[in-house]
Amino acid sequence: MATPEERPEPHADDELFDDIREYLAEQSGDQVYEELSAAYRLARNFAQRELVGRPEYTRMLRGIDKLLDDILGERTDPELKENLAEVIYLYGLAHYSILQQLSDDIGVESEDERTARPLIVYDIWFPDNIGIENTDDGYFLHIGDGRIDISIFLGTTPNERGALVEIVDHWEYATANTQSIPRGPDLSESVPMMAIEMDYAGSELVDAGDHVDILLFDHRGEPLVRIHARDSDLRAIVDEIQAIVPPSDGL
């Protein structure tokens, strides 16, 4: 083991790990349990609300179960075998959430100086207004339902951040797996209550039965906006983006 004199100077990238070590050194076993228990409950509620029933979640649990067989040997208790993989996965989510909080605290001098993070996801219900704006800074995708207007910075090229590829994937899924439903209420004449500007940093699809929900993430990877969309709505977004993509790059 290196002596204190031999240890290298900490790098900026190591600040998170320094925070983790400091956190673990300061917390008693009971305090760690209380924080982890609270984070685990939140992770379990999230999984029950957003993950249970999704094939991706089932595949993840199956993979963890096989890993446990490699480490612990084959387990004969069926209840233990069924529940342990999920417990470990939810523990991972809980632990990750605690580490994220530590990461957010890096460089923050006081509680008052912390940047507020969104506590809710803003909902766009079946977009009515869809368009692309080409500015000196780059391309913006504008989406609104009459109550909320969103300007999403795509980058200096229309598909710089993968927006077109991801939206096409979502549209193909919606086309194959959702049903047509009557048009919702016309909100086009409503006065927007809120305008949101954000950088596009990826998206995730959630199957909602007769439509799909698209979660848009901010630069920290936090879900900020949820678009409730049908295949026709996603097709309109795809058409707007494709209209400015050179033919050789189009999908």
Protein backbone atom coordinates (compact mmCIF):
# COMPACT_ATOMS: atom_id res chain seq x y z
CA MET A 1 0.00 0.00 0.00
CA ALA A 2 1.28 3.46 -0.85
CA THR A 3 2.41 5.66 2.02
CA PRO A 4 0.84 9.11 2.38
CA GLU A 5 3.96 10.61 0.76
CA GLU A 6 3.66 8.26 -2.24
CA ARG A 7 -0.01 8.87 -2.95
CA PRO A 8 -0.61 10.98 -6.07
CA GLU A 9 -2.34 14.31 -5.89
CA PRO A 10 -6.12 13.88 -6.31
CA HIS A 11 -7.39 14.54 -9.83
CA ALA A 12 -10.54 16.55 -10.47
CA ASP A 13 -12.22 13.37 -11.73
CA ASP A 14 -11.63 11.82 -8.30
CA GLU A 15 -13.71 14.40 -6.45
CA LEU A 16 -16.81 12.20 -6.51
CA PHE A 17 -14.87 9.29 -5.01
CA ASP A 18 -13.45 11.59 -2.35
CA ASP A 19 -17.00 12.64 -1.52
CA ILE A 20 -18.08 9.00 -1.30
CA ARG A 21 -15.19 8.12 1.00
CA GLU A 22 -15.92 11.12 3.20
CA TYR A 23 -19.62 10.26 3.29
CA LEU A 24 -18.93 6.66 4.31
CA ALA A 25 -16.43 7.76 6.94
CA GLU A 26 -18.89 10.16 8.56
CA GLN A 27 -22.01 7.98 8.53
CA SER A 28 -22.84 5.44 11.21
CA GLY A 29 -24.24 2.07 10.23
CA ASP A 30 -27.72 3.18 11.27
CA GLN A 31 -27.50 6.37 9.21
CA VAL A 32 -26.37 4.45 6.13
CA TYR A 33 -29.25 2.02 6.63
CA GLU A 34 -31.81 4.81 6.99
CA GLU A 35 -30.66 6.61 3.83
CA LEU A 36 -30.38 3.39 1.85
CA SER A 37 -33.76 2.18 3.09
CA ALA A 38 -35.44 5.41 2.02
CA ALA A 39 -33.72 5.32 -1.38
CA TYR A 40 -34.69 1.66 -1.79
CA ARG A 41 -38.37 2.46 -1.19
CA LEU A 42 -38.23 5.16 -3.86
CA ALA A 43 -36.50 2.77 -6.27
CA ARG A 44 -39.12 0.08 -5.61
CA ASN A 45 -41.98 2.53 -6.20
CA PHE A 46 -40.32 3.68 -9.43
CA ALA A 47 -39.87 0.10 -10.64
CA GLN A 48 -43.47 -0.82 -9.86
CA ARG A 49 -44.72 2.28 -11.66
CA GLU A 50 -42.40 2.37 -14.69
CA LEU A 51 -40.55 -0.93 -15.13
CA VAL A 52 -42.66 -3.92 -14.06
CA GLY A 53 -44.09 -5.67 -17.10
CA ARG A 54 -41.55 -4.27 -19.55
CA PRO A 55 -39.49 -6.87 -21.42
CA GLU A 56 -36.28 -4.90 -20.82
CA TYR A 57 -36.80 -5.16 -17.06
CA THR A 58 -37.47 -8.90 -17.32
CA ARG A 59 -34.26 -9.40 -19.31
CA MET A 60 -32.27 -7.42 -16.75
CA LEU A 61 -33.58 -9.54 -13.85
CA ARG A 62 -32.88 -12.71 -15.81
CA GLY A 63 -29.31 -11.58 -16.40
CA ILE A 64 -28.81 -10.76 -12.71
CA ASP A 65 -30.25 -14.16 -11.78
CA LYS A 66 -27.69 -15.91 -14.00
CA LEU A 67 -24.90 -13.82 -12.48
CA LEU A 68 -26.03 -14.85 -9.00
CA ASP A 69 -25.91 -18.49 -10.08
CA ASP A 70 -22.31 -17.94 -11.19
CA ILE A 71 -21.37 -16.35 -7.86
CA LEU A 72 -23.51 -18.23 -5.32
CA GLY A 73 -24.19 -21.47 -7.13
CA GLU A 74 -27.62 -22.66 -8.13
CA ARG A 75 -30.25 -21.73 -5.55
CA THR A 76 -32.99 -24.24 -4.87
CA ASP A 77 -35.39 -22.04 -2.90
CA PRO A 78 -37.80 -20.79 -5.62
CA GLU A 79 -38.94 -17.74 -3.62
CA LEU A 80 -35.36 -16.69 -2.90
CA LYS A 81 -34.40 -17.26 -6.53
CA GLU A 82 -37.30 -15.13 -7.77
CA ASN A 83 -36.89 -12.21 -5.37
CA LEU A 84 -33.14 -11.87 -4.91
CA ALA A 85 -32.41 -10.63 -8.43
CA GLU A 86 -35.02 -7.89 -8.09
CA VAL A 87 -33.78 -6.88 -4.64
CA ILE A 88 -30.23 -6.53 -5.97
CA TYR A 89 -31.38 -4.51 -8.96
CA LEU A 90 -33.43 -2.16 -6.78
CA TYR A 91 -30.51 -1.82 -4.39
CA GLY A 92 -28.41 -0.76 -7.38
CA LEU A 93 -30.94 1.93 -8.27
CA ALA A 94 -31.07 3.10 -4.65
CA HIS A 95 -27.29 3.22 -4.34
CA TYR A 96 -27.02 5.06 -7.67
CA SER A 97 -29.51 7.68 -6.50
CA ILE A 98 -27.44 8.31 -3.36
CA LEU A 99 -24.26 8.65 -5.44
CA GLN A 100 -26.04 11.05 -7.79
CA GLN A 101 -26.89 13.26 -4.83
CA LEU A 102 -23.24 13.22 -3.78
CA SER A 103 -22.21 14.10 -7.33
CA ASP A 104 -24.64 17.02 -7.39
CA ASP A 105 -23.08 18.36 -4.20
CA ILE A 106 -19.55 18.60 -5.64
CA GLY A 107 -18.35 22.19 -5.59
CA VAL A 108 -21.44 23.43 -3.75
CA GLU A 109 -20.55 25.59 -0.79
CA SER A 110 -23.90 25.81 0.93
CA GLU A 111 -27.43 24.47 0.83
CA ASP A 112 -28.72 27.83 -0.46
CA GLU A 113 -26.39 27.74 -3.49
CA ARG A 114 -27.57 24.38 -4.82
CA THR A 115 -29.22 24.50 -8.22
CA ALA A 116 -32.85 23.45 -8.04
CA ARG A 117 -33.68 20.35 -10.08
CA PRO A 118 -37.08 19.58 -11.58
CA LEU A 119 -39.42 17.72 -9.26
CA ILE A 120 -42.01 17.03 -11.95
CA VAL A 121 -42.07 16.00 -15.57
CA TYR A 122 -43.89 18.48 -17.78
CA ASP A 123 -46.51 16.80 -19.93
CA ILE A 124 -47.26 17.58 -23.57
CA TRP A 125 -50.57 16.01 -24.57
CA PHE A 126 -50.64 14.95 -28.22
CA PRO A 127 -48.67 17.81 -29.82
CA ASP A 128 -50.59 20.22 -32.05
CA ASN A 129 -47.77 22.60 -32.94
CA ILE A 130 -44.62 21.03 -34.41
CA GLY A 131 -41.90 22.85 -36.33
CA ILE A 132 -38.18 23.29 -36.90
CA GLU A 133 -36.33 26.59 -36.52
CA ASN A 134 -32.91 27.16 -38.09
CA THR A 135 -31.02 29.86 -36.19
CA ASP A 136 -27.43 31.07 -36.07
CA ASP A 137 -26.86 28.72 -33.12
CA GLY A 138 -28.29 25.64 -34.82
CA TYR A 139 -31.58 23.81 -35.09
CA PHE A 140 -34.46 23.94 -32.62
CA LEU A 141 -37.43 21.58 -32.58
CA HIS A 142 -40.56 23.37 -31.37
CA ILE A 143 -43.39 21.33 -29.85
CA GLY A 144 -46.51 22.60 -28.12
CA ASP A 145 -50.03 21.51 -27.24
CA GLY A 146 -51.50 24.95 -26.58
CA ARG A 147 -50.65 24.93 -22.88
CA ILE A 148 -46.90 24.38 -22.97
CA ASP A 149 -44.36 25.37 -25.61
CA ILE A 150 -41.01 23.56 -25.75
CA SER A 151 -37.92 24.61 -27.69
CA ILE A 152 -35.47 21.71 -27.95
CA PHE A 153 -31.95 22.47 -29.18
CA LEU A 154 -30.92 19.65 -31.53
CA GLY A 155 -27.41 20.90 -32.29
CA THR A 156 -25.72 22.62 -35.19
CA THR A 157 -26.97 19.91 -37.56
CA PRO A 158 -30.51 18.47 -37.46
CA ASN A 159 -29.44 15.06 -36.22
CA GLU A 160 -26.26 15.95 -34.36
CA ARG A 161 -27.50 14.44 -31.10
CA GLY A 162 -29.35 11.44 -32.54
CA ALA A 163 -32.83 12.94 -32.29
CA LEU A 164 -33.97 11.76 -35.70
CA VAL A 165 -32.80 8.17 -35.21
CA GLU A 166 -34.42 7.90 -31.79
CA ILE A 167 -37.72 9.50 -32.83
CA VAL A 168 -37.88 7.22 -35.90
CA ASP A 169 -37.40 4.21 -33.60
CA HIS A 170 -40.19 5.48 -31.34
CA TRP A 171 -42.46 6.12 -34.33
CA GLU A 172 -41.89 2.62 -35.72
CA TYR A 173 -42.77 1.12 -32.35
CA ALA A 174 -45.89 3.27 -32.03
CA THR A 175 -47.00 2.32 -35.55
CA ALA A 176 -46.69 -1.39 -34.80
CA ASN A 177 -47.95 -1.49 -31.22
CA THR A 178 -50.56 1.21 -30.59
CA GLN A 179 -54.18 1.65 -31.62
CA SER A 180 -55.86 4.61 -33.26
CA ILE A 181 -57.89 6.75 -30.88
CA PRO A 182 -60.10 9.80 -31.46
CA ARG A 183 -58.42 13.16 -31.54
CA GLY A 184 -58.24 14.79 -28.12
CA PRO A 185 -59.47 18.27 -27.23
CA ASP A 186 -58.24 21.09 -29.45
CA LEU A 187 -55.83 23.15 -27.36
CA SER A 188 -54.38 25.17 -30.24
CA GLU A 189 -56.20 28.34 -29.16
CA SER A 190 -55.13 28.06 -25.55
CA VAL A 191 -52.70 30.54 -24.06
CA PRO A 192 -49.44 28.74 -23.16
CA MET A 193 -48.91 28.60 -19.43
CA MET A 194 -45.25 27.74 -19.74
CA ALA A 195 -42.36 27.89 -22.20
CA ILE A 196 -39.45 25.46 -21.78
CA GLU A 197 -36.05 25.57 -23.47
CA MET A 198 -33.83 22.53 -23.28
CA ASP A 199 -30.97 20.75 -25.02
CA TYR A 200 -31.77 17.37 -26.51
CA ALA A 201 -29.82 14.76 -24.58
CA GLY A 202 -31.67 11.60 -25.53
CA SER A 203 -35.10 10.10 -25.05
CA GLU A 204 -36.83 6.98 -23.81
CA LEU A 205 -40.07 5.35 -24.94
CA VAL A 206 -42.75 4.18 -22.50
CA ASP A 207 -45.59 2.02 -23.84
CA ALA A 208 -48.88 3.59 -22.73
CA GLY A 209 -51.31 1.28 -24.53
CA ASP A 210 -53.23 3.35 -27.07
CA HIS A 211 -50.28 5.77 -27.44
CA VAL A 212 -46.65 6.06 -26.39
CA ASP A 213 -44.93 8.42 -23.98
CA ILE A 214 -41.57 9.90 -24.96
CA LEU A 215 -39.40 11.05 -22.07
CA LEU A 216 -36.91 13.78 -23.06
CA PHE A 217 -33.76 14.11 -20.95
CA ASP A 218 -31.81 17.21 -20.00
CA HIS A 219 -28.01 17.53 -20.04
CA ARG A 220 -27.80 15.74 -16.69
CA GLY A 221 -29.77 12.76 -17.93
CA GLU A 222 -32.83 13.70 -15.89
CA PRO A 223 -36.27 13.34 -17.51
CA LEU A 224 -37.67 16.83 -18.00
CA VAL A 225 -40.50 16.56 -20.53
CA ARG A 226 -42.92 13.77 -21.37
CA ILE A 227 -44.68 13.83 -24.74
CA HIS A 228 -47.89 11.82 -24.97
CA ALA A 229 -47.90 10.94 -28.67
CA ARG A 230 -49.54 8.72 -31.23
CA ASP A 231 -47.87 7.39 -34.36
CA SER A 232 -49.28 10.30 -36.39
CA ASP A 233 -47.77 12.85 -33.98
CA LEU A 234 -44.36 11.17 -34.13
CA ARG A 235 -44.61 10.96 -37.91
CA ALA A 236 -45.11 14.73 -38.02
CA ILE A 237 -41.97 15.25 -35.92
CA VAL A 238 -40.00 12.88 -38.16
CA ASP A 239 -41.23 14.68 -41.28
CA GLU A 240 -40.19 18.07 -39.89
CA ILE A 241 -36.66 16.87 -39.08
CA GLN A 242 -36.26 14.90 -42.30
CA ALA A 243 -37.34 17.89 -44.38
CA ILE A 244 -34.05 19.64 -43.60
CA VAL A 245 -31.76 16.60 -43.73
CA PRO A 246 -29.80 16.21 -46.97
CA PRO A 247 -31.21 13.32 -49.07
CA SER A 248 -28.07 11.23 -48.58
CA ASP A 249 -28.53 11.37 -44.79
CA GLY A 250 -32.29 10.81 -44.68
CA LEU A 251 -33.89 7.68 -43.26
